[in-house]
PDB file of N, CA and C in Angstrom:
ATOM      1  N   UNK A   1     -14.795-102.060  84.425  1.00  0.00           N
ATOM      2  CA  UNK A   1     -15.401-101.487  83.239  1.00  0.00           C
ATOM      3  C   UNK A   1     -15.871-100.005  83.508  1.00  0.00           C
ATOM      4  N   UNK A   2     -16.498 -99.863  84.647  1.00  0.00           N
ATOM      5  CA  UNK A   2     -17.018 -98.531  84.990  1.00  0.00           C
ATOM      6  C   UNK A   2     -15.865 -97.625  85.194  1.00  0.00           C
ATOM      7  N   UNK A   3     -14.717 -98.041  85.738  1.00  0.00           N
ATOM      8  CA  UNK A   3     -13.547 -97.181  86.004  1.00  0.00           C
ATOM      9  C   UNK A   3     -12.971 -96.708  84.677  1.00  0.00           C
ATOM     10  N   UNK A   4     -12.991 -97.581  83.680  1.00  0.00           N
ATOM     11  CA  UNK A   4     -12.446 -97.258  82.369  1.00  0.00           C
ATOM     12  C   UNK A   4     -13.258 -96.146  81.732  1.00  0.00           C
ATOM     13  N   UNK A   5     -14.550 -96.306  81.863  1.00  0.00           N
ATOM     14  CA  UNK A   5     -15.467 -95.281  81.289  1.00  0.00           C
ATOM     15  C   UNK A   5     -15.325 -93.940  82.035  1.00  0.00           C
ATOM     16  N   UNK A   6     -15.173 -93.993  83.291  1.00  0.00           N
ATOM     17  CA  UNK A   6     -15.026 -92.771  84.136  1.00  0.00           C
ATOM     18  C   UNK A   6     -13.677 -92.079  83.758  1.00  0.00           C
ATOM     19  N   UNK A   7     -12.636 -92.840  83.566  1.00  0.00           N
ATOM     20  CA  UNK A   7     -11.351 -92.261  83.161  1.00  0.00           C
ATOM     21  C   UNK A   7     -11.473 -91.631  81.789  1.00  0.00           C
ATOM     22  N   UNK A   8     -12.134 -92.297  80.880  1.00  0.00           N
ATOM     23  CA  UNK A   8     -12.333 -91.782  79.542  1.00  0.00           C
ATOM     24  C   UNK A   8     -13.122 -90.502  79.571  1.00  0.00           C
ATOM     25  N   UNK A   9     -14.181 -90.447  80.346  1.00  0.00           N
ATOM     26  CA  UNK A   9     -14.968 -89.238  80.521  1.00  0.00           C
ATOM     27  C   UNK A   9     -14.189 -88.135  81.175  1.00  0.00           C
ATOM     28  N   UNK A  10     -13.294 -88.505  82.030  1.00  0.00           N
ATOM     29  CA  UNK A  10     -12.436 -87.447  82.649  1.00  0.00           C
ATOM     30  C   UNK A  10     -11.468 -86.838  81.621  1.00  0.00           C
ATOM     31  N   UNK A  11     -10.905 -87.622  80.708  1.00  0.00           N
ATOM     32  CA  UNK A  11     -10.003 -87.142  79.667  1.00  0.00           C
ATOM     33  C   UNK A  11     -10.659 -86.560  78.469  1.00  0.00           C
ATOM     34  N   UNK A  12     -11.961 -86.807  78.278  1.00  0.00           N
ATOM     35  CA  UNK A  12     -12.682 -86.372  77.107  1.00  0.00           C
ATOM     36  C   UNK A  12     -12.593 -84.838  76.817  1.00  0.00           C
ATOM     37  N   UNK A  13     -12.796 -84.013  77.811  1.00  0.00           N
ATOM     38  CA  UNK A  13     -12.659 -82.579  77.489  1.00  0.00           C
ATOM     39  C   UNK A  13     -11.282 -82.202  76.943  1.00  0.00           C
ATOM     40  N   UNK A  14     -10.255 -82.747  77.507  1.00  0.00           N
ATOM     41  CA  UNK A  14      -8.876 -82.448  77.025  1.00  0.00           C
ATOM     42  C   UNK A  14      -8.657 -82.993  75.652  1.00  0.00           C
ATOM     43  N   UNK A  15      -9.131 -84.121  75.364  1.00  0.00           N
ATOM     44  CA  UNK A  15      -9.019 -84.682  74.030  1.00  0.00           C
ATOM     45  C   UNK A  15      -9.776 -83.830  72.982  1.00  0.00           C
ATOM     46  N   UNK A  16     -10.939 -83.375  73.311  1.00  0.00           N
ATOM     47  CA  UNK A  16     -11.734 -82.531  72.417  1.00  0.00           C
ATOM     48  C   UNK A  16     -10.997 -81.193  72.194  1.00  0.00           C
ATOM     49  N   UNK A  17     -10.494 -80.620  73.260  1.00  0.00           N
ATOM     50  CA  UNK A  17      -9.753 -79.324  73.119  1.00  0.00           C
ATOM     51  C   UNK A  17      -8.522 -79.522  72.279  1.00  0.00           C
ATOM     52  N   UNK A  18      -7.745 -80.571  72.464  1.00  0.00           N
ATOM     53  CA  UNK A  18      -6.563 -80.854  71.626  1.00  0.00           C
ATOM     54  C   UNK A  18      -6.937 -81.105  70.136  1.00  0.00           C
ATOM     55  N   UNK A  19      -8.067 -81.728  69.999  1.00  0.00           N
ATOM     56  CA  UNK A  19      -8.526 -82.002  68.570  1.00  0.00           C
ATOM     57  C   UNK A  19      -8.884 -80.706  67.897  1.00  0.00           C
ATOM     58  N   UNK A  20      -9.591 -79.797  68.583  1.00  0.00           N
ATOM     59  CA  UNK A  20      -9.923 -78.508  68.049  1.00  0.00           C
ATOM     60  C   UNK A  20      -8.651 -77.694  67.719  1.00  0.00           C
ATOM     61  N   UNK A  21      -7.727 -77.714  68.613  1.00  0.00           N
ATOM     62  CA  UNK A  21      -6.415 -77.001  68.362  1.00  0.00           C
ATOM     63  C   UNK A  21      -5.759 -77.563  67.173  1.00  0.00           C
ATOM     64  N   UNK A  22      -5.698 -78.841  67.041  1.00  0.00           N
ATOM     65  CA  UNK A  22      -5.071 -79.474  65.894  1.00  0.00           C
ATOM     66  C   UNK A  22      -5.730 -79.082  64.611  1.00  0.00           C
ATOM     67  N   UNK A  23      -7.059 -79.086  64.566  1.00  0.00           N
ATOM     68  CA  UNK A  23      -7.775 -78.674  63.348  1.00  0.00           C
ATOM     69  C   UNK A  23      -7.507 -77.242  63.015  1.00  0.00           C
ATOM     70  N   UNK A  24      -7.563 -76.366  63.967  1.00  0.00           N
ATOM     71  CA  UNK A  24      -7.292 -74.890  63.706  1.00  0.00           C
ATOM     72  C   UNK A  24      -5.872 -74.704  63.212  1.00  0.00           C
ATOM     73  N   UNK A  25      -4.898 -75.371  63.762  1.00  0.00           N
ATOM     74  CA  UNK A  25      -3.552 -75.208  63.345  1.00  0.00           C
ATOM     75  C   UNK A  25      -3.323 -75.682  61.950  1.00  0.00           C
ATOM     76  N   UNK A  26      -4.063 -76.743  61.598  1.00  0.00           N
ATOM     77  CA  UNK A  26      -3.952 -77.248  60.175  1.00  0.00           C
ATOM     78  C   UNK A  26      -4.485 -76.258  59.207  1.00  0.00           C
ATOM     79  N   UNK A  27      -5.576 -75.612  59.583  1.00  0.00           N
ATOM     80  CA  UNK A  27      -6.216 -74.596  58.732  1.00  0.00           C
ATOM     81  C   UNK A  27      -5.227 -73.371  58.553  1.00  0.00           C
ATOM     82  N   UNK A  28      -4.609 -72.975  59.637  1.00  0.00           N
ATOM     83  CA  UNK A  28      -3.671 -71.835  59.608  1.00  0.00           C
ATOM     84  C   UNK A  28      -2.480 -72.264  58.732  1.00  0.00           C
ATOM     85  N   UNK A  29      -2.003 -73.432  58.830  1.00  0.00           N
ATOM     86  CA  UNK A  29      -0.860 -73.869  58.026  1.00  0.00           C
ATOM     87  C   UNK A  29      -1.206 -73.910  56.537  1.00  0.00           C
ATOM     88  N   UNK A  30      -2.414 -74.351  56.208  1.00  0.00           N
ATOM     89  CA  UNK A  30      -2.875 -74.367  54.853  1.00  0.00           C
ATOM     90  C   UNK A  30      -2.960 -72.916  54.301  1.00  0.00           C
ATOM     91  N   UNK A  31      -3.476 -72.045  55.118  1.00  0.00           N
ATOM     92  CA  UNK A  31      -3.611 -70.668  54.708  1.00  0.00           C
ATOM     93  C   UNK A  31      -2.196 -69.982  54.525  1.00  0.00           C
ATOM     94  N   UNK A  32      -1.270 -70.335  55.381  1.00  0.00           N
ATOM     95  CA  UNK A  32       0.109 -69.845  55.218  1.00  0.00           C
ATOM     96  C   UNK A  32       0.760 -70.325  53.976  1.00  0.00           C
ATOM     97  N   UNK A  33       0.472 -71.566  53.577  1.00  0.00           N
ATOM     98  CA  UNK A  33       1.035 -72.091  52.330  1.00  0.00           C
ATOM     99  C   UNK A  33       0.491 -71.321  51.147  1.00  0.00           C
ATOM    100  N   UNK A  34      -0.882 -71.052  51.196  1.00  0.00           N
ATOM    101  CA  UNK A  34      -1.466 -70.285  50.133  1.00  0.00           C
ATOM    102  C   UNK A  34      -0.892 -68.897  50.003  1.00  0.00           C
ATOM    103  N   UNK A  35      -0.627 -68.293  51.212  1.00  0.00           N
ATOM    104  CA  UNK A  35      -0.094 -66.906  51.175  1.00  0.00           C
ATOM    105  C   UNK A  35       1.338 -66.934  50.656  1.00  0.00           C
ATOM    106  N   UNK A  36       2.084 -67.947  50.954  1.00  0.00           N
ATOM    107  CA  UNK A  36       3.440 -68.058  50.454  1.00  0.00           C
ATOM    108  C   UNK A  36       3.472 -68.169  48.927  1.00  0.00           C
ATOM    109  N   UNK A  37       2.518 -68.924  48.429  1.00  0.00           N
ATOM    110  CA  UNK A  37       2.412 -69.091  46.946  1.00  0.00           C
ATOM    111  C   UNK A  37       2.076 -67.753  46.307  1.00  0.00           C
ATOM    112  N   UNK A  38       1.132 -67.004  46.876  1.00  0.00           N
ATOM    113  CA  UNK A  38       0.773 -65.679  46.386  1.00  0.00           C
ATOM    114  C   UNK A  38       1.980 -64.770  46.386  1.00  0.00           C
ATOM    115  N   UNK A  39       2.716 -64.811  47.481  1.00  0.00           N
ATOM    116  CA  UNK A  39       3.916 -63.926  47.600  1.00  0.00           C
ATOM    117  C   UNK A  39       4.944 -64.318  46.515  1.00  0.00           C
ATOM    118  N   UNK A  40       5.087 -65.603  46.252  1.00  0.00           N
ATOM    119  CA  UNK A  40       6.042 -66.029  45.257  1.00  0.00           C
ATOM    120  C   UNK A  40       5.619 -65.542  43.854  1.00  0.00           C
ATOM    121  N   UNK A  41       4.346 -65.655  43.549  1.00  0.00           N
ATOM    122  CA  UNK A  41       3.860 -65.167  42.302  1.00  0.00           C
ATOM    123  C   UNK A  41       3.988 -63.656  42.181  1.00  0.00           C
ATOM    124  N   UNK A  42       3.748 -62.893  43.257  1.00  0.00           N
ATOM    125  CA  UNK A  42       3.894 -61.466  43.213  1.00  0.00           C
ATOM    126  C   UNK A  42       5.351 -61.111  42.976  1.00  0.00           C
ATOM    127  N   UNK A  43       6.267 -61.820  43.572  1.00  0.00           N
ATOM    128  CA  UNK A  43       7.666 -61.497  43.362  1.00  0.00           C
ATOM    129  C   UNK A  43       8.078 -61.721  41.907  1.00  0.00           C
ATOM    130  N   UNK A  44       7.563 -62.789  41.355  1.00  0.00           N
ATOM    131  CA  UNK A  44       7.864 -63.055  39.911  1.00  0.00           C
ATOM    132  C   UNK A  44       7.271 -61.932  39.036  1.00  0.00           C
ATOM    133  N   UNK A  45       6.046 -61.480  39.368  1.00  0.00           N
ATOM    134  CA  UNK A  45       5.436 -60.431  38.594  1.00  0.00           C
ATOM    135  C   UNK A  45       6.204 -59.121  38.774  1.00  0.00           C
ATOM    136  N   UNK A  46       6.665 -58.802  39.966  1.00  0.00           N
ATOM    137  CA  UNK A  46       7.433 -57.596  40.152  1.00  0.00           C
ATOM    138  C   UNK A  46       8.748 -57.636  39.388  1.00  0.00           C
ATOM    139  N   UNK A  47       9.405 -58.769  39.311  1.00  0.00           N
ATOM    140  CA  UNK A  47      10.625 -58.947  38.508  1.00  0.00           C
ATOM    141  C   UNK A  47      10.346 -58.692  37.039  1.00  0.00           C
ATOM    142  N   UNK A  48       9.200 -59.256  36.545  1.00  0.00           N
ATOM    143  CA  UNK A  48       8.840 -59.079  35.172  1.00  0.00           C
ATOM    144  C   UNK A  48       8.557 -57.636  34.858  1.00  0.00           C
ATOM    145  N   UNK A  49       7.807 -56.945  35.767  1.00  0.00           N
ATOM    146  CA  UNK A  49       7.458 -55.558  35.575  1.00  0.00           C
ATOM    147  C   UNK A  49       8.704 -54.695  35.617  1.00  0.00           C
ATOM    148  N   UNK A  50       9.617 -55.026  36.426  1.00  0.00           N
ATOM    149  CA  UNK A  50      10.926 -54.237  36.504  1.00  0.00           C
ATOM    150  C   UNK A  50      11.611 -54.355  35.186  1.00  0.00           C
ATOM    151  N   UNK A  51      11.697 -55.506  34.580  1.00  0.00           N
ATOM    152  CA  UNK A  51      12.355 -55.659  33.291  1.00  0.00           C
ATOM    153  C   UNK A  51      11.644 -54.819  32.242  1.00  0.00           C
ATOM    154  N   UNK A  52      10.374 -54.872  32.212  1.00  0.00           N
ATOM    155  CA  UNK A  52       9.582 -54.051  31.228  1.00  0.00           C
ATOM    156  C   UNK A  52       9.802 -52.621  31.508  1.00  0.00           C
ATOM    157  N   UNK A  53       9.776 -52.219  32.703  1.00  0.00           N
ATOM    158  CA  UNK A  53      10.008 -50.746  33.027  1.00  0.00           C
ATOM    159  C   UNK A  53      11.387 -50.258  32.576  1.00  0.00           C
ATOM    160  N   UNK A  54      12.394 -51.145  32.787  1.00  0.00           N
ATOM    161  CA  UNK A  54      13.713 -50.816  32.307  1.00  0.00           C
ATOM    162  C   UNK A  54      13.773 -50.603  30.810  1.00  0.00           C
ATOM    163  N   UNK A  55      13.081 -51.466  30.135  1.00  0.00           N
ATOM    164  CA  UNK A  55      13.052 -51.365  28.621  1.00  0.00           C
ATOM    165  C   UNK A  55      12.307 -50.104  28.184  1.00  0.00           C
ATOM    166  N   UNK A  56      11.229 -49.750  28.853  1.00  0.00           N
ATOM    167  CA  UNK A  56      10.493 -48.577  28.530  1.00  0.00           C
ATOM    168  C   UNK A  56      11.355 -47.305  28.793  1.00  0.00           C
ATOM    169  N   UNK A  57      12.001 -47.261  29.962  1.00  0.00           N
ATOM    170  CA  UNK A  57      12.858 -46.193  30.263  1.00  0.00           C
ATOM    171  C   UNK A  57      13.993 -46.004  29.273  1.00  0.00           C
ATOM    172  N   UNK A  58      14.580 -47.139  28.854  1.00  0.00           N
ATOM    173  CA  UNK A  58      15.632 -47.089  27.889  1.00  0.00           C
ATOM    174  C   UNK A  58      15.142 -46.503  26.563  1.00  0.00           C
ATOM    175  N   UNK A  59      13.902 -46.865  26.137  1.00  0.00           N
ATOM    176  CA  UNK A  59      13.300 -46.320  24.936  1.00  0.00           C
ATOM    177  C   UNK A  59      13.086 -44.815  25.096  1.00  0.00           C
ATOM    178  N   UNK A  60      12.628 -44.396  26.241  1.00  0.00           N
ATOM    179  CA  UNK A  60      12.384 -42.997  26.469  1.00  0.00           C
ATOM    180  C   UNK A  60      13.671 -42.173  26.411  1.00  0.00           C
ATOM    181  N   UNK A  61      14.757 -42.765  26.979  1.00  0.00           N
ATOM    182  CA  UNK A  61      16.005 -42.111  26.944  1.00  0.00           C
ATOM    183  C   UNK A  61      16.626 -41.979  25.543  1.00  0.00           C
ATOM    184  N   UNK A  62      16.281 -42.911  24.669  1.00  0.00           N
ATOM    185  CA  UNK A  62      16.819 -42.910  23.283  1.00  0.00           C
ATOM    186  C   UNK A  62      16.085 -41.924  22.398  1.00  0.00           C
ATOM    187  N   UNK A  63      14.849 -41.520  22.778  1.00  0.00           N
ATOM    188  CA  UNK A  63      14.106 -40.628  21.920  1.00  0.00           C
ATOM    189  C   UNK A  63      14.762 -39.248  21.846  1.00  0.00           C
ATOM    190  N   UNK A  64      14.742 -38.659  20.662  1.00  0.00           N
ATOM    191  CA  UNK A  64      15.299 -37.268  20.576  1.00  0.00           C
ATOM    192  C   UNK A  64      14.406 -36.293  21.282  1.00  0.00           C
ATOM    193  N   UNK A  65      14.981 -35.316  21.894  1.00  0.00           N
ATOM    194  CA  UNK A  65      14.288 -34.307  22.648  1.00  0.00           C
ATOM    195  C   UNK A  65      13.783 -33.193  21.829  1.00  0.00           C
TER     196      UNK A  65
END
């Protein structure tokens, strides 16, 4: 029984370190997903703005000088 406890105490620092790394990596992955969603929305907004800009430029070119 004592040997099992001593083995567990020997592995405990490694287990704690791996647990901390796992938690940090999950947070980074969640943040990366959020950033990907923001990038996707920005791309859609840029496409919409490009279409509006094309329409505005077409109207300006049609105006008499």
